[in-house]
Amino acid sequence: MEKRIQAKARVQLTVEVEESMWGLDCSIGQLYKQAAEGGVAKVRKIISDANAHSKATIIGEPKVVGIITEES
């Protein structure tokens, strides 16, 4: 009888999402906090909406890597 081998792998990915819509009255500290929280929430929603057979979770802390401002 032929033996079957099962294997699992874990893959860590970096995902970038865009967050926007802050007014001039928003402090930089608040912007960083809300951007990080919003990005995590967006990815969590994508994961929860995925196929029930997919097993994925967010690991690590969010890192805000850039802020662009535009006066209109």
N, C-alpha and C. Protein backbone atom coordinates (compact mmCIF):
# COMPACT_ATOMS: atom_id res chain seq x y z
N MET A 1 0.84 -1.17 0.00
CA MET A 1 0.00 0.00 0.00
C MET A 1 0.90 1.25 0.00
N GLU A 2 0.57 2.19 -0.86
CA GLU A 2 1.34 3.41 -0.97
C GLU A 2 1.01 4.38 0.17
N LYS A 3 2.03 4.94 0.81
CA LYS A 3 1.82 5.89 1.90
C LYS A 3 1.54 7.28 1.32
N ARG A 4 0.66 7.98 1.99
CA ARG A 4 0.36 9.36 1.60
C ARG A 4 0.96 10.29 2.64
N ILE A 5 1.51 11.36 2.19
CA ILE A 5 2.10 12.35 3.08
C ILE A 5 1.28 13.64 2.95
N GLN A 6 0.94 14.19 4.09
CA GLN A 6 0.25 15.47 4.10
C GLN A 6 1.19 16.53 4.66
N ALA A 7 1.13 17.70 4.11
CA ALA A 7 1.99 18.79 4.57
C ALA A 7 1.18 20.08 4.66
N LYS A 8 1.57 20.95 5.56
CA LYS A 8 0.98 22.27 5.68
C LYS A 8 2.10 23.29 5.59
N ALA A 9 1.77 24.45 5.10
CA ALA A 9 2.75 25.53 5.03
C ALA A 9 2.11 26.80 5.56
N ARG A 10 2.91 27.61 6.18
CA ARG A 10 2.46 28.94 6.61
C ARG A 10 3.19 29.97 5.77
N VAL A 11 2.45 30.92 5.28
CA VAL A 11 3.02 31.96 4.44
C VAL A 11 2.68 33.31 5.05
N GLN A 12 3.68 34.13 5.27
CA GLN A 12 3.44 35.48 5.78
C GLN A 12 3.53 36.45 4.62
N LEU A 13 2.55 37.33 4.54
CA LEU A 13 2.48 38.30 3.46
C LEU A 13 2.42 39.72 4.03
N THR A 14 2.92 40.65 3.29
CA THR A 14 2.73 42.06 3.61
C THR A 14 1.65 42.58 2.68
N VAL A 15 0.65 43.20 3.24
CA VAL A 15 -0.47 43.71 2.46
C VAL A 15 -0.54 45.22 2.64
N GLU A 16 -0.72 45.92 1.56
CA GLU A 16 -0.84 47.38 1.63
C GLU A 16 -2.26 47.77 1.26
N VAL A 17 -2.90 48.56 2.09
CA VAL A 17 -4.23 49.08 1.81
C VAL A 17 -4.20 50.60 1.94
N GLU A 18 -5.11 51.25 1.27
CA GLU A 18 -5.16 52.71 1.32
C GLU A 18 -6.31 53.16 2.20
N GLU A 19 -6.04 54.07 3.07
CA GLU A 19 -7.04 54.69 3.93
C GLU A 19 -7.01 56.18 3.64
N SER A 20 -8.16 56.82 3.67
CA SER A 20 -8.21 58.26 3.40
C SER A 20 -9.42 58.89 4.07
N MET A 21 -9.53 60.17 3.90
CA MET A 21 -10.67 60.96 4.36
C MET A 21 -10.50 61.52 5.78
N TRP A 22 -9.51 62.35 5.96
CA TRP A 22 -9.35 63.07 7.22
C TRP A 22 -9.42 64.55 6.91
N GLY A 23 -9.99 65.29 7.83
CA GLY A 23 -10.10 66.73 7.65
C GLY A 23 -8.92 67.46 8.27
N LEU A 24 -8.88 68.76 8.08
CA LEU A 24 -7.79 69.59 8.58
C LEU A 24 -7.75 69.63 10.11
N ASP A 25 -8.84 69.33 10.76
CA ASP A 25 -8.89 69.38 12.22
C ASP A 25 -8.34 68.10 12.87
N CYS A 26 -7.91 67.16 12.09
CA CYS A 26 -7.40 65.88 12.60
C CYS A 26 -5.90 66.02 12.89
N SER A 27 -5.49 65.62 14.10
CA SER A 27 -4.07 65.68 14.45
C SER A 27 -3.31 64.55 13.75
N ILE A 28 -2.00 64.73 13.62
CA ILE A 28 -1.17 63.69 12.99
C ILE A 28 -1.24 62.40 13.80
N GLY A 29 -1.21 62.51 15.13
CA GLY A 29 -1.30 61.32 15.97
C GLY A 29 -2.61 60.57 15.75
N GLN A 30 -3.70 61.31 15.65
CA GLN A 30 -5.01 60.70 15.41
C GLN A 30 -5.05 60.06 14.03
N LEU A 31 -4.44 60.74 13.05
CA LEU A 31 -4.41 60.22 11.69
C LEU A 31 -3.67 58.88 11.64
N TYR A 32 -2.48 58.79 12.27
CA TYR A 32 -1.72 57.54 12.30
C TYR A 32 -2.52 56.43 12.97
N LYS A 33 -3.14 56.75 14.11
CA LYS A 33 -3.92 55.76 14.86
C LYS A 33 -5.09 55.25 14.02
N GLN A 34 -5.85 56.18 13.45
CA GLN A 34 -7.03 55.79 12.67
C GLN A 34 -6.64 55.07 11.38
N ALA A 35 -5.53 55.48 10.75
CA ALA A 35 -5.09 54.81 9.52
C ALA A 35 -4.71 53.37 9.82
N ALA A 36 -3.97 53.14 10.90
CA ALA A 36 -3.57 51.78 11.26
C ALA A 36 -4.80 50.93 11.59
N GLU A 37 -5.69 51.46 12.41
CA GLU A 37 -6.89 50.72 12.79
C GLU A 37 -7.78 50.45 11.57
N GLY A 38 -7.93 51.44 10.70
CA GLY A 38 -8.76 51.26 9.51
C GLY A 38 -8.19 50.24 8.55
N GLY A 39 -6.87 50.26 8.39
CA GLY A 39 -6.22 49.27 7.51
C GLY A 39 -6.40 47.86 8.02
N VAL A 40 -6.22 47.67 9.32
CA VAL A 40 -6.40 46.34 9.92
C VAL A 40 -7.85 45.90 9.77
N ALA A 41 -8.79 46.79 10.03
CA ALA A 41 -10.21 46.45 9.90
C ALA A 41 -10.57 46.06 8.47
N LYS A 42 -10.00 46.76 7.50
CA LYS A 42 -10.29 46.46 6.09
C LYS A 42 -9.79 45.06 5.73
N VAL A 43 -8.58 44.71 6.16
CA VAL A 43 -8.02 43.39 5.85
C VAL A 43 -8.77 42.30 6.61
N ARG A 44 -9.12 42.56 7.87
CA ARG A 44 -9.92 41.58 8.63
C ARG A 44 -11.24 41.28 7.92
N LYS A 45 -11.88 42.30 7.36
CA LYS A 45 -13.15 42.12 6.64
C LYS A 45 -12.93 41.25 5.40
N ILE A 46 -11.86 41.52 4.67
CA ILE A 46 -11.55 40.72 3.49
C ILE A 46 -11.34 39.26 3.88
N ILE A 47 -10.60 39.03 4.96
CA ILE A 47 -10.33 37.67 5.42
C ILE A 47 -11.63 36.99 5.84
N SER A 48 -12.48 37.70 6.59
CA SER A 48 -13.71 37.08 7.07
C SER A 48 -14.70 36.80 5.94
N ASP A 49 -14.63 37.58 4.87
CA ASP A 49 -15.50 37.36 3.72
C ASP A 49 -14.98 36.25 2.80
N ALA A 50 -13.75 35.82 3.02
CA ALA A 50 -13.14 34.79 2.16
C ALA A 50 -13.79 33.43 2.41
N ASN A 51 -13.46 32.51 1.60
CA ASN A 51 -13.95 31.14 1.71
C ASN A 51 -13.73 30.60 3.12
N ALA A 52 -14.70 29.92 3.68
CA ALA A 52 -14.61 29.39 5.04
C ALA A 52 -13.48 28.39 5.19
N HIS A 53 -13.00 27.82 4.11
CA HIS A 53 -11.92 26.85 4.19
C HIS A 53 -10.54 27.51 4.29
N SER A 54 -10.50 28.79 4.01
CA SER A 54 -9.22 29.50 4.12
C SER A 54 -8.96 29.82 5.58
N LYS A 55 -7.76 29.59 6.00
CA LYS A 55 -7.38 29.92 7.37
C LYS A 55 -6.31 31.00 7.28
N ALA A 56 -6.68 32.22 7.63
CA ALA A 56 -5.75 33.33 7.57
C ALA A 56 -6.00 34.23 8.76
N THR A 57 -4.97 34.87 9.22
CA THR A 57 -5.09 35.81 10.32
C THR A 57 -4.06 36.91 10.14
N ILE A 58 -4.25 38.00 10.82
CA ILE A 58 -3.29 39.11 10.77
C ILE A 58 -2.31 38.91 11.91
N ILE A 59 -1.03 38.99 11.58
CA ILE A 59 0.00 38.90 12.61
C ILE A 59 0.82 40.17 12.58
N GLY A 60 1.37 40.53 13.67
CA GLY A 60 2.20 41.73 13.73
C GLY A 60 1.38 42.99 13.90
N GLU A 61 2.09 44.08 14.00
CA GLU A 61 1.46 45.38 14.21
C GLU A 61 1.40 46.15 12.89
N PRO A 62 0.36 46.95 12.71
CA PRO A 62 0.29 47.76 11.49
C PRO A 62 1.37 48.85 11.53
N LYS A 63 1.89 49.19 10.36
CA LYS A 63 2.89 50.24 10.25
C LYS A 63 2.44 51.22 9.18
N VAL A 64 2.17 52.44 9.57
CA VAL A 64 1.78 53.48 8.61
C VAL A 64 3.07 53.94 7.94
N VAL A 65 3.16 53.78 6.63
CA VAL A 65 4.41 54.06 5.93
C VAL A 65 4.40 55.38 5.16
N GLY A 66 3.26 56.01 5.07
CA GLY A 66 3.23 57.29 4.37
C GLY A 66 1.91 57.99 4.54
N ILE A 67 1.98 59.30 4.55
CA ILE A 67 0.78 60.13 4.61
C ILE A 67 0.94 61.20 3.54
N ILE A 68 -0.08 61.35 2.71
CA ILE A 68 -0.08 62.36 1.67
C ILE A 68 -1.21 63.32 1.96
N THR A 69 -0.92 64.60 1.96
CA THR A 69 -1.98 65.58 2.18
C THR A 69 -2.18 66.41 0.92
N GLU A 70 -3.40 66.86 0.78
CA GLU A 70 -3.72 67.69 -0.39
C GLU A 70 -4.74 68.72 0.05
N GLU A 71 -4.46 69.96 -0.22
CA GLU A 71 -5.41 71.02 0.12
C GLU A 71 -6.33 71.24 -1.06
N SER A 72 -7.64 71.29 -0.77
CA SER A 72 -8.58 71.48 -1.88
C SER A 72 -9.46 72.67 -1.61
